């Protein structure tokens, strides 16, 4: 497995340009590079990182739907960055799934949904 647990994680969208606009703005303050491997998707990767996040229109041509229990989590560098990312998601049209807060002794997190209803978590361990 070459030392990686996850190569990339993707969420579905029915409107790639709208989804790109959401994620481009959400990630603009992070050191993230975006790229498109083809017309159906757009990938984001932390500079020097080995994993990626993607937003993709389904290959089979059917509508993208939200998976019950599916969530993508993004590690942050501080509680303040968790707060900021949650606030930013709300300001660009996302919906609240759990305000920032201490969930466990060492886990501070916030939850949101993107424009397609995909669940996101921003968290800080410490």
Protein backbone atom coordinates (compact mmCIF):
# COMPACT_ATOMS: atom_id res chain seq x y z
CA UNK A 1 0.00 0.00 0.00
CA UNK A 2 3.04 2.30 -0.14
CA UNK A 3 2.32 3.94 3.23
CA UNK A 4 -0.92 5.70 2.24
CA UNK A 5 -4.29 4.82 3.68
CA UNK A 6 -6.25 7.09 1.34
CA UNK A 7 -5.20 8.28 -2.11
CA UNK A 8 -8.17 10.59 -2.64
CA UNK A 9 -11.75 11.06 -1.49
CA UNK A 10 -14.47 12.30 -3.80
CA UNK A 11 -17.97 13.65 -3.36
CA UNK A 12 -20.57 13.88 -6.07
CA UNK A 13 -22.05 16.94 -7.69
CA UNK A 14 -24.73 17.64 -10.26
CA UNK A 15 -23.26 21.04 -11.14
CA UNK A 16 -19.46 20.91 -11.37
CA UNK A 17 -18.95 24.63 -11.97
CA UNK A 18 -21.07 25.58 -8.95
CA UNK A 19 -19.27 23.00 -6.79
CA UNK A 20 -15.87 24.27 -7.97
CA UNK A 21 -16.89 27.80 -7.05
CA UNK A 22 -17.86 26.65 -3.54
CA UNK A 23 -14.66 24.68 -2.92
CA UNK A 24 -12.38 27.23 -4.61
CA UNK A 25 -13.66 29.86 -2.20
CA UNK A 26 -13.73 27.51 0.80
CA UNK A 27 -10.10 26.48 0.30
CA UNK A 28 -8.72 29.87 -0.84
CA UNK A 29 -6.93 30.57 2.46
CA UNK A 30 -5.31 27.12 2.63
CA UNK A 31 -2.21 26.04 0.73
CA UNK A 32 -4.28 24.02 -1.76
CA UNK A 33 -3.70 23.44 -5.45
CA UNK A 34 -6.64 22.66 -7.72
CA UNK A 35 -6.54 20.72 -10.97
CA UNK A 36 -8.85 18.94 -13.37
CA UNK A 37 -7.95 15.51 -14.75
CA UNK A 38 -10.91 15.69 -17.14
CA UNK A 39 -14.33 17.23 -17.76
CA UNK A 40 -16.18 15.37 -14.97
CA UNK A 41 -14.15 16.38 -11.94
CA UNK A 42 -11.93 18.76 -10.08
CA UNK A 43 -9.28 17.79 -7.50
CA UNK A 44 -7.74 19.69 -4.59
CA UNK A 45 -4.44 18.80 -2.98
CA UNK A 46 -2.37 20.36 -0.20
CA UNK A 47 1.00 21.36 -1.65
CA UNK A 48 3.40 18.47 -1.05
CA UNK A 49 0.57 16.23 0.20
CA UNK A 50 -0.08 12.69 -0.89
CA UNK A 51 -3.86 12.62 -0.70
CA UNK A 52 -6.49 14.67 -2.49
CA UNK A 53 -10.14 15.70 -2.30
CA UNK A 54 -12.27 15.69 -5.44
CA UNK A 55 -15.70 16.83 -6.54
CA UNK A 56 -16.96 14.72 -9.44
CA UNK A 57 -19.99 14.25 -11.65
CA UNK A 58 -20.91 10.53 -11.55
CA UNK A 59 -19.40 8.40 -14.34
CA UNK A 60 -22.67 6.54 -14.94
CA UNK A 61 -24.52 9.74 -15.85
CA UNK A 62 -27.03 9.37 -13.01
CA UNK A 63 -27.65 12.15 -10.53
CA UNK A 64 -25.17 12.53 -7.69
CA UNK A 65 -26.76 11.75 -4.33
CA UNK A 66 -25.57 12.14 -0.75
CA UNK A 67 -24.46 8.97 1.04
CA UNK A 68 -26.05 8.47 4.45
CA UNK A 69 -23.18 8.24 6.94
CA UNK A 70 -20.59 9.50 4.44
CA UNK A 71 -18.46 12.43 5.60
CA UNK A 72 -15.18 13.96 4.48
CA UNK A 73 -12.98 15.38 7.24
CA UNK A 74 -10.32 18.05 6.85
CA UNK A 75 -7.59 18.46 9.50
CA UNK A 76 -6.96 22.05 10.54
CA UNK A 77 -3.98 23.65 12.31
CA UNK A 78 -5.96 25.27 15.15
CA UNK A 79 -9.39 25.68 16.73
CA UNK A 80 -9.52 29.14 15.21
CA UNK A 81 -9.02 27.67 11.74
CA UNK A 82 -11.87 25.20 12.41
CA UNK A 83 -14.09 28.15 13.37
CA UNK A 84 -13.02 30.09 10.29
CA UNK A 85 -13.64 27.22 7.85
CA UNK A 86 -17.09 26.53 9.31
CA UNK A 87 -17.99 30.23 9.10
CA UNK A 88 -16.69 30.41 5.55
CA UNK A 89 -18.74 27.35 4.50
CA UNK A 90 -21.85 29.06 5.91
CA UNK A 91 -21.05 32.37 4.19
CA UNK A 92 -20.75 30.77 0.74
CA UNK A 93 -24.01 28.84 0.87
CA UNK A 94 -23.22 25.74 2.90
CA UNK A 95 -25.51 24.57 5.69
CA UNK A 96 -24.74 23.98 9.36
CA UNK A 97 -24.50 20.39 10.62
CA UNK A 98 -22.86 21.19 13.95
CA UNK A 99 -21.32 24.41 15.22
CA UNK A 100 -17.64 24.43 16.21
CA UNK A 101 -16.97 22.93 19.60
CA UNK A 102 -15.03 20.50 21.74
CA UNK A 103 -16.43 17.04 20.99
CA UNK A 104 -13.94 14.93 22.95
CA UNK A 105 -10.93 15.80 25.10
CA UNK A 106 -8.61 16.03 22.10
CA UNK A 107 -11.10 16.63 19.24
CA UNK A 108 -12.44 20.07 18.32
CA UNK A 109 -14.70 19.97 15.30
CA UNK A 110 -17.36 21.65 13.18
CA UNK A 111 -19.70 20.17 10.60
CA UNK A 112 -21.24 21.58 7.43
CA UNK A 113 -22.86 20.48 4.19
CA UNK A 114 -21.79 21.74 0.79
CA UNK A 115 -24.15 22.96 -1.94
CA UNK A 116 -24.92 19.37 -3.01
CA UNK A 117 -25.58 18.22 0.57
CA UNK A 118 -22.27 16.39 1.10
CA UNK A 119 -21.24 16.39 4.78
CA UNK A 120 -17.90 17.97 5.70
CA UNK A 121 -16.00 18.09 8.98
CA UNK A 122 -13.25 20.54 9.90
CA UNK A 123 -11.31 19.38 12.95
CA UNK A 124 -8.31 20.05 15.17
CA UNK A 125 -6.67 17.42 17.35
CA UNK A 126 -5.04 18.80 20.44
